[in-house]
């Protein structure tokens, strides 16, 4: 699968602690190796639809990915399949706020 990174995600990674960067790098490697079916079924990434949440820039449905126990990435899907990493949230609960 192809992965694209939006500037907000990239900036959050650069500002994050080393342990978060390491977990995000591991997640990126997994995403690149997976098919869309494997992404949906992987229990560690916990890829799930965020009901009622869309990306303002594209109007695409947003999804959550587990980076680590407390860290979540917000992403959207494009045809290809392409996962677009939109943002990174180091506090789990803040990832789900509109």
C-alpha atoms as a PDB file:
ATOM      1  CA  UNK A   1       0.000   0.000   0.000  1.00  0.00           C
ATOM      2  CA  UNK A   2       1.188   3.521  -0.688  1.00  0.00           C
ATOM      3  CA  UNK A   3       1.405   6.055   2.159  1.00  0.00           C
ATOM      4  CA  UNK A   4       1.178   9.840   1.884  1.00  0.00           C
ATOM      5  CA  UNK A   5       1.976  12.180   4.762  1.00  0.00           C
ATOM      6  CA  UNK A   6       0.290  15.543   5.235  1.00  0.00           C
ATOM      7  CA  UNK A   7       2.337  18.431   6.701  1.00  0.00           C
ATOM      8  CA  UNK A   8       0.444  18.405  10.036  1.00  0.00           C
ATOM      9  CA  UNK A   9       1.346  14.735  10.584  1.00  0.00           C
ATOM     10  CA  UNK A  10       4.968  15.353   9.643  1.00  0.00           C
ATOM     11  CA  UNK A  11       5.238  18.356  11.987  1.00  0.00           C
ATOM     12  CA  UNK A  12       3.733  16.379  14.874  1.00  0.00           C
ATOM     13  CA  UNK A  13       6.226  13.547  14.310  1.00  0.00           C
ATOM     14  CA  UNK A  14       9.146  15.979  14.337  1.00  0.00           C
ATOM     15  CA  UNK A  15       7.925  17.505  17.614  1.00  0.00           C
ATOM     16  CA  UNK A  16       7.218  14.138  19.268  1.00  0.00           C
ATOM     17  CA  UNK A  17       9.351  12.225  21.743  1.00  0.00           C
ATOM     18  CA  UNK A  18      11.745   9.575  20.372  1.00  0.00           C
ATOM     19  CA  UNK A  19       9.510   6.699  21.539  1.00  0.00           C
ATOM     20  CA  UNK A  20       6.587   8.149  19.534  1.00  0.00           C
ATOM     21  CA  UNK A  21       8.798   8.599  16.463  1.00  0.00           C
ATOM     22  CA  UNK A  22       9.957   5.002  16.744  1.00  0.00           C
ATOM     23  CA  UNK A  23       6.377   3.712  17.042  1.00  0.00           C
ATOM     24  CA  UNK A  24       5.297   5.846  14.065  1.00  0.00           C
ATOM     25  CA  UNK A  25       8.178   4.508  11.957  1.00  0.00           C
ATOM     26  CA  UNK A  26       7.100   0.951  12.795  1.00  0.00           C
ATOM     27  CA  UNK A  27       3.504   1.788  11.813  1.00  0.00           C
ATOM     28  CA  UNK A  28       4.689   3.287   8.495  1.00  0.00           C
ATOM     29  CA  UNK A  29       6.648   0.139   7.641  1.00  0.00           C
ATOM     30  CA  UNK A  30       3.606  -2.000   8.395  1.00  0.00           C
ATOM     31  CA  UNK A  31       1.330   0.177   6.265  1.00  0.00           C
ATOM     32  CA  UNK A  32       3.680   0.008   3.299  1.00  0.00           C
ATOM     33  CA  UNK A  33       3.794  -3.792   3.505  1.00  0.00           C
ATOM     34  CA  UNK A  34       0.025  -4.312   3.845  1.00  0.00           C
ATOM     35  CA  UNK A  35      -2.817  -4.634   1.402  1.00  0.00           C
ATOM     36  CA  UNK A  36      -6.076  -2.875   2.273  1.00  0.00           C
ATOM     37  CA  UNK A  37      -7.563  -6.175   3.478  1.00  0.00           C
ATOM     38  CA  UNK A  38      -4.599  -6.763   5.777  1.00  0.00           C
ATOM     39  CA  UNK A  39      -4.922  -3.228   7.154  1.00  0.00           C
ATOM     40  CA  UNK A  40      -8.572  -3.780   8.068  1.00  0.00           C
ATOM     41  CA  UNK A  41      -7.844  -7.086   9.779  1.00  0.00           C
ATOM     42  CA  UNK A  42      -4.627  -6.182  11.656  1.00  0.00           C
ATOM     43  CA  UNK A  43      -5.541  -6.119  15.343  1.00  0.00           C
ATOM     44  CA  UNK A  44      -2.460  -4.161  16.447  1.00  0.00           C
ATOM     45  CA  UNK A  45      -3.176  -1.108  14.287  1.00  0.00           C
ATOM     46  CA  UNK A  46      -6.865  -1.101  15.201  1.00  0.00           C
ATOM     47  CA  UNK A  47      -7.817   0.670  11.950  1.00  0.00           C
ATOM     48  CA  UNK A  48     -11.330   1.994  12.452  1.00  0.00           C
ATOM     49  CA  UNK A  49     -13.740   4.396  10.835  1.00  0.00           C
ATOM     50  CA  UNK A  50     -14.430   7.616  12.737  1.00  0.00           C
ATOM     51  CA  UNK A  51     -18.146   7.922  12.189  1.00  0.00           C
ATOM     52  CA  UNK A  52     -19.303  11.415  11.305  1.00  0.00           C
ATOM     53  CA  UNK A  53     -15.774  12.752  10.843  1.00  0.00           C
ATOM     54  CA  UNK A  54     -14.449  13.882   7.464  1.00  0.00           C
ATOM     55  CA  UNK A  55     -11.294  15.651   6.377  1.00  0.00           C
ATOM     56  CA  UNK A  56     -12.173  19.274   5.603  1.00  0.00           C
ATOM     57  CA  UNK A  57      -9.633  19.598   2.756  1.00  0.00           C
ATOM     58  CA  UNK A  58     -10.847  16.616   0.713  1.00  0.00           C
ATOM     59  CA  UNK A  59     -14.190  15.609   2.208  1.00  0.00           C
ATOM     60  CA  UNK A  60     -12.804  12.092   2.731  1.00  0.00           C
ATOM     61  CA  UNK A  61     -13.909   9.806   5.551  1.00  0.00           C
ATOM     62  CA  UNK A  62     -11.450   9.793   8.458  1.00  0.00           C
ATOM     63  CA  UNK A  63     -10.046   6.705  10.172  1.00  0.00           C
ATOM     64  CA  UNK A  64      -7.994   6.106  13.309  1.00  0.00           C
ATOM     65  CA  UNK A  65      -4.803   4.038  13.503  1.00  0.00           C
ATOM     66  CA  UNK A  66      -3.051   2.973  16.678  1.00  0.00           C
ATOM     67  CA  UNK A  67       0.560   4.149  16.739  1.00  0.00           C
ATOM     68  CA  UNK A  68       1.089   3.090  20.364  1.00  0.00           C
ATOM     69  CA  UNK A  69      -1.036   2.645  23.478  1.00  0.00           C
ATOM     70  CA  UNK A  70      -1.745   6.360  23.854  1.00  0.00           C
ATOM     71  CA  UNK A  71      -0.883   7.699  20.393  1.00  0.00           C
ATOM     72  CA  UNK A  72      -3.262   7.733  17.434  1.00  0.00           C
ATOM     73  CA  UNK A  73      -2.884   8.744  13.809  1.00  0.00           C
ATOM     74  CA  UNK A  74      -5.821  10.097  11.859  1.00  0.00           C
ATOM     75  CA  UNK A  75      -5.892   9.050   8.216  1.00  0.00           C
ATOM     76  CA  UNK A  76      -8.069   8.903   5.139  1.00  0.00           C
ATOM     77  CA  UNK A  77      -8.091   6.505   2.206  1.00  0.00           C
ATOM     78  CA  UNK A  78      -7.723   7.249  -1.473  1.00  0.00           C
ATOM     79  CA  UNK A  79      -8.015   4.924  -4.425  1.00  0.00           C
ATOM     80  CA  UNK A  80      -4.905   3.041  -5.230  1.00  0.00           C
ATOM     81  CA  UNK A  81      -5.078   2.102  -2.293  1.00  0.00           C
ATOM     82  CA  UNK A  82      -3.363   5.011  -0.645  1.00  0.00           C
ATOM     83  CA  UNK A  83      -3.415   5.799   3.070  1.00  0.00           C
ATOM     84  CA  UNK A  84      -3.083   9.528   3.740  1.00  0.00           C
ATOM     85  CA  UNK A  85      -1.769  10.277   7.244  1.00  0.00           C
ATOM     86  CA  UNK A  86      -3.521  13.507   8.198  1.00  0.00           C
ATOM     87  CA  UNK A  87      -2.593  14.122  11.834  1.00  0.00           C
ATOM     88  CA  UNK A  88      -0.929  12.589  14.882  1.00  0.00           C
ATOM     89  CA  UNK A  89      -2.328  12.806  18.407  1.00  0.00           C
ATOM     90  CA  UNK A  90      -0.201  11.880  21.406  1.00  0.00           C
ATOM     91  CA  UNK A  91      -3.264  11.930  23.663  1.00  0.00           C
ATOM     92  CA  UNK A  92      -5.682   9.202  22.590  1.00  0.00           C
ATOM     93  CA  UNK A  93      -8.922  11.005  23.534  1.00  0.00           C
ATOM     94  CA  UNK A  94      -8.044  14.215  21.651  1.00  0.00           C
ATOM     95  CA  UNK A  95      -7.785  12.270  18.390  1.00  0.00           C
ATOM     96  CA  UNK A  96     -11.554  11.764  18.330  1.00  0.00           C
ATOM     97  CA  UNK A  97     -12.644  15.350  18.867  1.00  0.00           C
ATOM     98  CA  UNK A  98     -14.130  17.203  15.928  1.00  0.00           C
END
